[in-house]
């Protein structure tokens, strides 16, 4: 079972919007190009999310091909790709949790 990456993307967009509001800059809704213009970290994070999504799509595609009886897809390949996608998603989820935790800690610091 794969979980869509959209919750991670949504959380990233919310964090960017809150960070922009805290800095007094434009919100994510005001920017037309999205996370790519926000800097190196945001671009790297987006690239990682895209990689996680691609891995999940590849795993789903291979499992469907195996179910349909494709000759070039083995059960071993399907299982390995499903595990890679799952590990990638779990990693992304943990990164998101750490980012939210760090953001919460920073917001609780009184100046």
C-alpha atoms as a PDB file:
ATOM      1  CA  UNK A   1       0.000   0.000   0.000  1.00  0.00           C
ATOM      2  CA  UNK A   2       1.351   3.393  -0.930  1.00  0.00           C
ATOM      3  CA  UNK A   3       0.481   6.678   0.663  1.00  0.00           C
ATOM      4  CA  UNK A   4       0.258   9.774  -1.541  1.00  0.00           C
ATOM      5  CA  UNK A   5       2.923  12.416  -1.110  1.00  0.00           C
ATOM      6  CA  UNK A   6       0.381  15.234  -1.232  1.00  0.00           C
ATOM      7  CA  UNK A   7       0.152  15.468   2.600  1.00  0.00           C
ATOM      8  CA  UNK A   8       3.915  16.084   2.696  1.00  0.00           C
ATOM      9  CA  UNK A   9       3.665  18.678  -0.046  1.00  0.00           C
ATOM     10  CA  UNK A  10       0.763  20.328   1.752  1.00  0.00           C
ATOM     11  CA  UNK A  11       2.718  20.447   5.011  1.00  0.00           C
ATOM     12  CA  UNK A  12       5.703  21.942   3.177  1.00  0.00           C
ATOM     13  CA  UNK A  13       3.507  24.631   1.613  1.00  0.00           C
ATOM     14  CA  UNK A  14       1.994  25.485   5.003  1.00  0.00           C
ATOM     15  CA  UNK A  15       5.424  25.751   6.625  1.00  0.00           C
ATOM     16  CA  UNK A  16       6.678  27.989   3.810  1.00  0.00           C
ATOM     17  CA  UNK A  17       3.625  30.201   4.131  1.00  0.00           C
ATOM     18  CA  UNK A  18       4.048  30.536   7.901  1.00  0.00           C
ATOM     19  CA  UNK A  19       7.772  31.229   7.530  1.00  0.00           C
ATOM     20  CA  UNK A  20       7.094  33.917   4.952  1.00  0.00           C
ATOM     21  CA  UNK A  21       4.465  35.513   7.189  1.00  0.00           C
ATOM     22  CA  UNK A  22       6.827  35.452  10.154  1.00  0.00           C
ATOM     23  CA  UNK A  23       9.545  37.101   8.071  1.00  0.00           C
ATOM     24  CA  UNK A  24       7.135  39.706   6.744  1.00  0.00           C
ATOM     25  CA  UNK A  25       7.619  38.514   3.156  1.00  0.00           C
ATOM     26  CA  UNK A  26       5.129  37.340   0.560  1.00  0.00           C
ATOM     27  CA  UNK A  27       3.196  34.168   1.304  1.00  0.00           C
ATOM     28  CA  UNK A  28       3.409  31.018  -0.804  1.00  0.00           C
ATOM     29  CA  UNK A  29       0.076  31.934  -2.375  1.00  0.00           C
ATOM     30  CA  UNK A  30       1.605  35.222  -3.548  1.00  0.00           C
ATOM     31  CA  UNK A  31       4.491  33.498  -5.301  1.00  0.00           C
ATOM     32  CA  UNK A  32       3.739  32.199  -8.757  1.00  0.00           C
ATOM     33  CA  UNK A  33       6.656  29.783  -9.071  1.00  0.00           C
ATOM     34  CA  UNK A  34       6.355  28.009  -5.717  1.00  0.00           C
ATOM     35  CA  UNK A  35       9.152  26.346  -3.756  1.00  0.00           C
ATOM     36  CA  UNK A  36      11.773  26.549  -6.515  1.00  0.00           C
ATOM     37  CA  UNK A  37      12.354  30.261  -5.860  1.00  0.00           C
ATOM     38  CA  UNK A  38      12.550  29.909  -2.090  1.00  0.00           C
ATOM     39  CA  UNK A  39      16.182  28.803  -2.122  1.00  0.00           C
ATOM     40  CA  UNK A  40      18.452  25.798  -2.050  1.00  0.00           C
ATOM     41  CA  UNK A  41      16.857  24.033   0.896  1.00  0.00           C
ATOM     42  CA  UNK A  42      13.324  24.276  -0.474  1.00  0.00           C
ATOM     43  CA  UNK A  43      14.481  23.108  -3.903  1.00  0.00           C
ATOM     44  CA  UNK A  44      16.302  20.149  -2.366  1.00  0.00           C
ATOM     45  CA  UNK A  45      13.264  19.272  -0.271  1.00  0.00           C
ATOM     46  CA  UNK A  46      10.988  19.462  -3.306  1.00  0.00           C
ATOM     47  CA  UNK A  47      13.380  17.275  -5.303  1.00  0.00           C
ATOM     48  CA  UNK A  48      13.331  14.722  -2.485  1.00  0.00           C
ATOM     49  CA  UNK A  49       9.532  14.725  -2.392  1.00  0.00           C
ATOM     50  CA  UNK A  50       9.421  14.272  -6.156  1.00  0.00           C
ATOM     51  CA  UNK A  51      11.840  11.329  -5.872  1.00  0.00           C
ATOM     52  CA  UNK A  52       9.657   9.719  -3.190  1.00  0.00           C
ATOM     53  CA  UNK A  53       6.606  10.161  -5.387  1.00  0.00           C
ATOM     54  CA  UNK A  54       8.387   8.737  -8.431  1.00  0.00           C
ATOM     55  CA  UNK A  55       9.551   5.699  -6.431  1.00  0.00           C
ATOM     56  CA  UNK A  56       5.992   5.064  -5.269  1.00  0.00           C
ATOM     57  CA  UNK A  57       4.609   5.387  -8.788  1.00  0.00           C
ATOM     58  CA  UNK A  58       7.271   2.996 -10.114  1.00  0.00           C
ATOM     59  CA  UNK A  59       6.481   0.443  -7.404  1.00  0.00           C
ATOM     60  CA  UNK A  60       2.748   0.637  -8.095  1.00  0.00           C
ATOM     61  CA  UNK A  61       3.355   0.301 -11.834  1.00  0.00           C
ATOM     62  CA  UNK A  62       5.543  -2.762 -11.374  1.00  0.00           C
ATOM     63  CA  UNK A  63       3.087  -4.406  -8.994  1.00  0.00           C
ATOM     64  CA  UNK A  64       0.270  -3.866 -11.480  1.00  0.00           C
ATOM     65  CA  UNK A  65       2.408  -5.266 -14.299  1.00  0.00           C
ATOM     66  CA  UNK A  66       3.220  -8.309 -12.172  1.00  0.00           C
ATOM     67  CA  UNK A  67      -0.465  -8.825 -11.368  1.00  0.00           C
ATOM     68  CA  UNK A  68      -1.261  -8.699 -15.065  1.00  0.00           C
ATOM     69  CA  UNK A  69       1.358 -11.376 -15.736  1.00  0.00           C
ATOM     70  CA  UNK A  70       4.084  -9.362 -17.479  1.00  0.00           C
ATOM     71  CA  UNK A  71       7.045 -11.602 -18.294  1.00  0.00           C
ATOM     72  CA  UNK A  72       9.734  -9.010 -17.578  1.00  0.00           C
ATOM     73  CA  UNK A  73       8.635  -8.283 -13.973  1.00  0.00           C
ATOM     74  CA  UNK A  74       9.594 -10.644 -11.180  1.00  0.00           C
ATOM     75  CA  UNK A  75       8.124 -10.826  -7.703  1.00  0.00           C
ATOM     76  CA  UNK A  76      11.549 -10.023  -6.251  1.00  0.00           C
ATOM     77  CA  UNK A  77      11.724  -6.754  -8.182  1.00  0.00           C
ATOM     78  CA  UNK A  78       8.218  -5.806  -7.100  1.00  0.00           C
ATOM     79  CA  UNK A  79       8.944  -6.500  -3.438  1.00  0.00           C
ATOM     80  CA  UNK A  80      12.253  -4.622  -3.488  1.00  0.00           C
ATOM     81  CA  UNK A  81      10.706  -1.589  -5.186  1.00  0.00           C
ATOM     82  CA  UNK A  82       7.767  -1.587  -2.766  1.00  0.00           C
ATOM     83  CA  UNK A  83      10.188  -1.634   0.174  1.00  0.00           C
ATOM     84  CA  UNK A  84      12.278   1.159  -1.361  1.00  0.00           C
ATOM     85  CA  UNK A  85       9.155   3.266  -1.798  1.00  0.00           C
ATOM     86  CA  UNK A  86       8.032   2.541   1.758  1.00  0.00           C
ATOM     87  CA  UNK A  87      11.432   3.408   3.233  1.00  0.00           C
ATOM     88  CA  UNK A  88      11.579   6.606   1.191  1.00  0.00           C
ATOM     89  CA  UNK A  89       8.119   7.605   2.383  1.00  0.00           C
ATOM     90  CA  UNK A  90       8.971   6.852   6.017  1.00  0.00           C
ATOM     91  CA  UNK A  91      12.142   8.936   5.668  1.00  0.00           C
ATOM     92  CA  UNK A  92      10.179  11.832   4.187  1.00  0.00           C
ATOM     93  CA  UNK A  93       7.631  11.572   6.962  1.00  0.00           C
ATOM     94  CA  UNK A  94      10.342  11.689   9.632  1.00  0.00           C
ATOM     95  CA  UNK A  95      11.971  14.702   7.967  1.00  0.00           C
ATOM     96  CA  UNK A  96       8.610  16.463   7.929  1.00  0.00           C
ATOM     97  CA  UNK A  97       8.064  15.636  11.610  1.00  0.00           C
ATOM     98  CA  UNK A  98      11.498  17.005  12.519  1.00  0.00           C
ATOM     99  CA  UNK A  99      10.888  20.187  10.514  1.00  0.00           C
ATOM    100  CA  UNK A 100       7.536  20.765  12.187  1.00  0.00           C
ATOM    101  CA  UNK A 101       9.079  20.111  15.591  1.00  0.00           C
ATOM    102  CA  UNK A 102      11.941  22.530  14.911  1.00  0.00           C
ATOM    103  CA  UNK A 103       9.525  25.166  13.634  1.00  0.00           C
ATOM    104  CA  UNK A 104       7.360  24.770  16.743  1.00  0.00           C
ATOM    105  CA  UNK A 105      10.419  25.087  18.989  1.00  0.00           C
ATOM    106  CA  UNK A 106      11.552  28.221  17.184  1.00  0.00           C
ATOM    107  CA  UNK A 107       8.108  29.787  17.419  1.00  0.00           C
ATOM    108  CA  UNK A 108       8.057  29.166  21.180  1.00  0.00           C
ATOM    109  CA  UNK A 109      11.291  31.089  21.735  1.00  0.00           C
ATOM    110  CA  UNK A 110      10.467  34.420  23.265  1.00  0.00           C
ATOM    111  CA  UNK A 111      12.507  37.350  22.091  1.00  0.00           C
END
